[in-house]
Amino acid sequence: MTAFFRLSLLPLVFTFLLGACSSTETAPSSTFVLLDGSKTSTAELKGKVSLINFWATTCVSCVKEMPELIQTYDKFKPRGFETIAVAMSYDPPSYVVNFAQTRQLPFKVAIDNTGEIARAWGDVKLTPTTFIVNKKGEIVKRFVGEPDFTALHQLLEKLLAES
């Protein structure tokens, strides 16, 4: 095989390899028990762009990012955007309720009492961890730590514009 022929195949090989790596992951089937006792699930989020945020009341970064999560929710909610803040299993439910009430969180807040939801979403252990899910129910982005909110808003704009 000539060197020219081998080099001319390189773009095809890279395209194939990159294509294999760029598959999207379907959001896990999860049921979230909300603070008011009601339930919602990932199946109910289909058709909406969603932000699933794993957090804890004892997490400094989580507390710091909450005002921006509220602003993000308020900005995009009228366009079919949903947010679910999932408190980690080690967070005392009374702390979560108090936090949600005193900060007037406008989005859904769930408590993952057993840790089952965190395990289903890739065994989340670090907080905050945030997932962005498109209208088809596919995870398109995962942030570990506080997101770059400018980049997040750009991504949400793009996803909400998709049909």
C-alpha atoms as a PDB file:
ATOM      1  CA  MET A   1       0.000   0.000   0.000  1.00  0.00           C
ATOM      2  CA  THR A   2       1.471   3.380  -0.934  1.00  0.00           C
ATOM      3  CA  ALA A   3       1.930   6.162   1.592  1.00  0.00           C
ATOM      4  CA  PHE A   4      -0.403   8.386  -0.450  1.00  0.00           C
ATOM      5  CA  PHE A   5      -3.190   5.788  -0.324  1.00  0.00           C
ATOM      6  CA  ARG A   6      -2.763   5.260   3.440  1.00  0.00           C
ATOM      7  CA  LEU A   7      -2.855   9.039   4.071  1.00  0.00           C
ATOM      8  CA  SER A   8      -5.926   9.498   1.890  1.00  0.00           C
ATOM      9  CA  LEU A   9      -7.808   6.998   4.077  1.00  0.00           C
ATOM     10  CA  LEU A  10      -7.051   8.916   7.272  1.00  0.00           C
ATOM     11  CA  PRO A  11      -9.989  11.364   7.006  1.00  0.00           C
ATOM     12  CA  LEU A  12     -12.373   8.438   6.523  1.00  0.00           C
ATOM     13  CA  VAL A  13     -10.965   6.597   9.525  1.00  0.00           C
ATOM     14  CA  PHE A  14     -11.190   9.707  11.741  1.00  0.00           C
ATOM     15  CA  THR A  15     -14.728  10.437  10.571  1.00  0.00           C
ATOM     16  CA  PHE A  16     -15.750   6.868  11.386  1.00  0.00           C
ATOM     17  CA  LEU A  17     -14.115   6.964  14.824  1.00  0.00           C
ATOM     18  CA  LEU A  18     -15.560  10.361  15.712  1.00  0.00           C
ATOM     19  CA  GLY A  19     -18.994   9.278  14.568  1.00  0.00           C
ATOM     20  CA  ALA A  20     -18.790   6.255  16.831  1.00  0.00           C
ATOM     21  CA  CYS A  21     -17.888   8.457  19.808  1.00  0.00           C
ATOM     22  CA  SER A  22     -20.579  11.092  19.329  1.00  0.00           C
ATOM     23  CA  SER A  23     -23.659   9.023  20.128  1.00  0.00           C
ATOM     24  CA  THR A  24     -26.127  10.538  22.538  1.00  0.00           C
ATOM     25  CA  GLU A  25     -27.181   8.817  25.711  1.00  0.00           C
ATOM     26  CA  THR A  26     -30.843   8.425  26.605  1.00  0.00           C
ATOM     27  CA  ALA A  27     -31.741   9.857  29.992  1.00  0.00           C
ATOM     28  CA  PRO A  28     -32.392   7.040  32.468  1.00  0.00           C
ATOM     29  CA  SER A  29     -35.945   6.157  33.340  1.00  0.00           C
ATOM     30  CA  SER A  30     -36.427   7.831  36.719  1.00  0.00           C
ATOM     31  CA  THR A  31     -39.309   8.761  38.969  1.00  0.00           C
ATOM     32  CA  PHE A  32     -38.768  11.851  41.097  1.00  0.00           C
ATOM     33  CA  VAL A  33     -40.673  12.238  44.382  1.00  0.00           C
ATOM     34  CA  LEU A  34     -41.242  15.958  44.834  1.00  0.00           C
ATOM     35  CA  LEU A  35     -41.415  17.877  48.101  1.00  0.00           C
ATOM     36  CA  ASP A  36     -45.211  18.071  47.943  1.00  0.00           C
ATOM     37  CA  GLY A  37     -45.392  14.250  47.680  1.00  0.00           C
ATOM     38  CA  SER A  38     -46.324  14.229  43.996  1.00  0.00           C
ATOM     39  CA  LYS A  39     -44.233  12.395  41.424  1.00  0.00           C
ATOM     40  CA  THR A  40     -42.859  13.176  37.991  1.00  0.00           C
ATOM     41  CA  SER A  41     -40.725  11.087  35.690  1.00  0.00           C
ATOM     42  CA  THR A  42     -38.284  11.399  32.839  1.00  0.00           C
ATOM     43  CA  ALA A  43     -41.025  10.027  30.566  1.00  0.00           C
ATOM     44  CA  GLU A  44     -43.143  13.096  31.420  1.00  0.00           C
ATOM     45  CA  LEU A  45     -40.268  15.380  30.421  1.00  0.00           C
ATOM     46  CA  LYS A  46     -40.245  14.174  26.798  1.00  0.00           C
ATOM     47  CA  GLY A  47     -40.981  17.072  24.471  1.00  0.00           C
ATOM     48  CA  LYS A  48     -39.341  19.539  26.866  1.00  0.00           C
ATOM     49  CA  VAL A  49     -35.772  20.649  27.322  1.00  0.00           C
ATOM     50  CA  SER A  50     -34.850  19.786  30.911  1.00  0.00           C
ATOM     51  CA  LEU A  51     -32.161  20.547  33.446  1.00  0.00           C
ATOM     52  CA  ILE A  52     -31.644  17.895  36.124  1.00  0.00           C
ATOM     53  CA  ASN A  53     -29.459  19.229  38.948  1.00  0.00           C
ATOM     54  CA  PHE A  54     -28.037  17.011  41.701  1.00  0.00           C
ATOM     55  CA  TRP A  55     -27.266  19.157  44.738  1.00  0.00           C
ATOM     56  CA  ALA A  56     -27.058  19.286  48.519  1.00  0.00           C
ATOM     57  CA  THR A  57     -27.830  21.953  51.103  1.00  0.00           C
ATOM     58  CA  THR A  58     -24.323  21.470  52.530  1.00  0.00           C
ATOM     59  CA  CYS A  59     -22.635  22.037  49.155  1.00  0.00           C
ATOM     60  CA  VAL A  60     -21.223  25.577  48.954  1.00  0.00           C
ATOM     61  CA  SER A  61     -21.133  25.573  45.135  1.00  0.00           C
ATOM     62  CA  CYS A  62     -24.714  24.300  44.999  1.00  0.00           C
ATOM     63  CA  VAL A  63     -25.963  27.096  47.243  1.00  0.00           C
ATOM     64  CA  LYS A  64     -23.941  29.650  45.235  1.00  0.00           C
ATOM     65  CA  GLU A  65     -25.388  28.542  41.867  1.00  0.00           C
ATOM     66  CA  MET A  66     -29.058  28.436  42.988  1.00  0.00           C
ATOM     67  CA  PRO A  67     -29.833  32.094  42.146  1.00  0.00           C
ATOM     68  CA  GLU A  68     -28.535  31.523  38.609  1.00  0.00           C
ATOM     69  CA  LEU A  69     -30.528  28.296  38.299  1.00  0.00           C
ATOM     70  CA  ILE A  70     -33.619  30.281  39.325  1.00  0.00           C
ATOM     71  CA  GLN A  71     -32.856  32.984  36.718  1.00  0.00           C
ATOM     72  CA  THR A  72     -32.280  30.315  34.056  1.00  0.00           C
ATOM     73  CA  TYR A  73     -35.568  28.600  34.900  1.00  0.00           C
ATOM     74  CA  ASP A  74     -37.498  31.880  34.902  1.00  0.00           C
ATOM     75  CA  LYS A  75     -35.989  32.923  31.565  1.00  0.00           C
ATOM     76  CA  PHE A  76     -36.699  29.695  29.674  1.00  0.00           C
ATOM     77  CA  LYS A  77     -39.794  28.251  31.403  1.00  0.00           C
ATOM     78  CA  PRO A  78     -42.265  29.999  29.067  1.00  0.00           C
ATOM     79  CA  ARG A  79     -40.660  28.128  26.150  1.00  0.00           C
ATOM     80  CA  GLY A  80     -41.172  24.616  27.563  1.00  0.00           C
ATOM     81  CA  PHE A  81     -38.109  24.355  29.794  1.00  0.00           C
ATOM     82  CA  GLU A  82     -38.234  22.255  32.961  1.00  0.00           C
ATOM     83  CA  THR A  83     -35.893  22.072  35.943  1.00  0.00           C
ATOM     84  CA  ILE A  84     -35.724  19.406  38.623  1.00  0.00           C
ATOM     85  CA  ALA A  85     -33.350  19.904  41.551  1.00  0.00           C
ATOM     86  CA  VAL A  86     -32.573  16.490  43.054  1.00  0.00           C
ATOM     87  CA  ALA A  87     -31.323  16.605  46.650  1.00  0.00           C
ATOM     88  CA  MET A  88     -28.792  13.906  47.453  1.00  0.00           C
ATOM     89  CA  SER A  89     -29.689  10.967  49.707  1.00  0.00           C
ATOM     90  CA  TYR A  90     -27.502  12.210  52.574  1.00  0.00           C
ATOM     91  CA  ASP A  91     -29.291  15.573  52.717  1.00  0.00           C
ATOM     92  CA  PRO A  92     -31.824  15.640  55.598  1.00  0.00           C
ATOM     93  CA  PRO A  93     -35.295  16.163  54.090  1.00  0.00           C
ATOM     94  CA  SER A  94     -36.093  18.920  56.603  1.00  0.00           C
ATOM     95  CA  TYR A  95     -33.021  20.888  55.397  1.00  0.00           C
ATOM     96  CA  VAL A  96     -34.120  20.486  51.774  1.00  0.00           C
ATOM     97  CA  VAL A  97     -37.669  21.655  52.544  1.00  0.00           C
ATOM     98  CA  ASN A  98     -36.367  24.623  54.533  1.00  0.00           C
ATOM     99  CA  PHE A  99     -33.919  25.569  51.750  1.00  0.00           C
ATOM    100  CA  ALA A 100     -36.581  25.343  49.032  1.00  0.00           C
ATOM    101  CA  GLN A 101     -39.065  27.408  51.055  1.00  0.00           C
ATOM    102  CA  THR A 102     -36.695  30.127  52.278  1.00  0.00           C
ATOM    103  CA  ARG A 103     -35.183  30.605  48.810  1.00  0.00           C
ATOM    104  CA  GLN A 104     -38.579  30.262  47.113  1.00  0.00           C
ATOM    105  CA  LEU A 105     -37.293  27.796  44.531  1.00  0.00           C
ATOM    106  CA  PRO A 106     -39.730  28.078  41.605  1.00  0.00           C
ATOM    107  CA  PHE A 107     -38.866  24.725  40.035  1.00  0.00           C
ATOM    108  CA  LYS A 108     -39.507  21.135  41.060  1.00  0.00           C
ATOM    109  CA  VAL A 109     -37.414  19.836  43.965  1.00  0.00           C
ATOM    110  CA  ALA A 110     -37.043  16.113  44.580  1.00  0.00           C
ATOM    111  CA  ILE A 111     -35.376  14.160  47.357  1.00  0.00           C
ATOM    112  CA  ASP A 112     -33.406  11.061  46.368  1.00  0.00           C
ATOM    113  CA  ASN A 113     -33.859   9.263  49.731  1.00  0.00           C
ATOM    114  CA  THR A 114     -32.342   5.973  48.592  1.00  0.00           C
ATOM    115  CA  GLY A 115     -29.675   7.243  46.188  1.00  0.00           C
ATOM    116  CA  GLU A 116     -31.349   5.264  43.404  1.00  0.00           C
ATOM    117  CA  ILE A 117     -31.775   8.301  41.131  1.00  0.00           C
ATOM    118  CA  ALA A 118     -28.138   9.381  41.521  1.00  0.00           C
ATOM    119  CA  ARG A 119     -27.018   5.828  40.693  1.00  0.00           C
ATOM    120  CA  ALA A 120     -29.255   5.713  37.606  1.00  0.00           C
ATOM    121  CA  TRP A 121     -27.782   8.986  36.312  1.00  0.00           C
ATOM    122  CA  GLY A 122     -24.223   7.657  36.244  1.00  0.00           C
ATOM    123  CA  ASP A 123     -23.626   7.119  39.956  1.00  0.00           C
ATOM    124  CA  VAL A 124     -23.509  10.842  40.740  1.00  0.00           C
ATOM    125  CA  LYS A 125     -21.440  11.504  43.841  1.00  0.00           C
ATOM    126  CA  LEU A 126     -20.120  15.044  43.268  1.00  0.00           C
ATOM    127  CA  THR A 127     -22.385  18.044  43.683  1.00  0.00           C
ATOM    128  CA  PRO A 128     -23.418  20.035  41.883  1.00  0.00           C
ATOM    129  CA  THR A 129     -23.807  17.789  38.846  1.00  0.00           C
ATOM    130  CA  THR A 130     -26.172  19.044  36.176  1.00  0.00           C
ATOM    131  CA  PHE A 131     -27.571  17.253  33.132  1.00  0.00           C
ATOM    132  CA  ILE A 132     -29.191  18.914  30.132  1.00  0.00           C
ATOM    133  CA  VAL A 133     -31.752  16.714  28.380  1.00  0.00           C
ATOM    134  CA  ASN A 134     -33.180  17.536  24.953  1.00  0.00           C
ATOM    135  CA  LYS A 135     -36.790  17.178  23.789  1.00  0.00           C
ATOM    136  CA  LYS A 136     -36.108  13.600  22.643  1.00  0.00           C
ATOM    137  CA  GLY A 137     -35.043  12.577  26.152  1.00  0.00           C
ATOM    138  CA  GLU A 138     -31.319  12.430  25.345  1.00  0.00           C
ATOM    139  CA  ILE A 139     -28.584  13.757  27.628  1.00  0.00           C
ATOM    140  CA  VAL A 140     -26.722  16.360  25.594  1.00  0.00           C
ATOM    141  CA  LYS A 141     -24.493  17.870  28.297  1.00  0.00           C
ATOM    142  CA  ARG A 142     -23.231  17.061  31.776  1.00  0.00           C
ATOM    143  CA  PHE A 143     -21.683  19.685  34.038  1.00  0.00           C
ATOM    144  CA  VAL A 144     -19.752  18.639  37.137  1.00  0.00           C
ATOM    145  CA  GLY A 145     -19.393  21.737  39.275  1.00  0.00           C
ATOM    146  CA  GLU A 146     -21.020  25.066  38.595  1.00  0.00           C
ATOM    147  CA  PRO A 147     -21.894  25.477  34.896  1.00  0.00           C
ATOM    148  CA  ASP A 148     -20.732  28.351  32.730  1.00  0.00           C
ATOM    149  CA  PHE A 149     -24.171  29.966  32.644  1.00  0.00           C
ATOM    150  CA  THR A 150     -23.487  31.956  29.462  1.00  0.00           C
ATOM    151  CA  ALA A 151     -22.629  28.732  27.618  1.00  0.00           C
ATOM    152  CA  LEU A 152     -25.566  26.969  29.272  1.00  0.00           C
ATOM    153  CA  HIS A 153     -28.004  29.658  28.074  1.00  0.00           C
ATOM    154  CA  GLN A 154     -26.612  29.401  24.531  1.00  0.00           C
ATOM    155  CA  LEU A 155     -27.116  25.636  24.598  1.00  0.00           C
ATOM    156  CA  LEU A 156     -30.669  26.014  25.923  1.00  0.00           C
ATOM    157  CA  GLU A 157     -31.493  28.546  23.190  1.00  0.00           C
ATOM    158  CA  LYS A 158     -30.307  26.061  20.574  1.00  0.00           C
ATOM    159  CA  LEU A 159     -32.154  23.087  22.092  1.00  0.00           C
ATOM    160  CA  LEU A 160     -35.415  24.995  22.580  1.00  0.00           C
ATOM    161  CA  ALA A 161     -35.327  26.109  18.931  1.00  0.00           C
ATOM    162  CA  GLU A 162     -35.192  22.473  17.738  1.00  0.00           C
ATOM    163  CA  SER A 163     -38.457  20.828  16.795  1.00  0.00           C
END
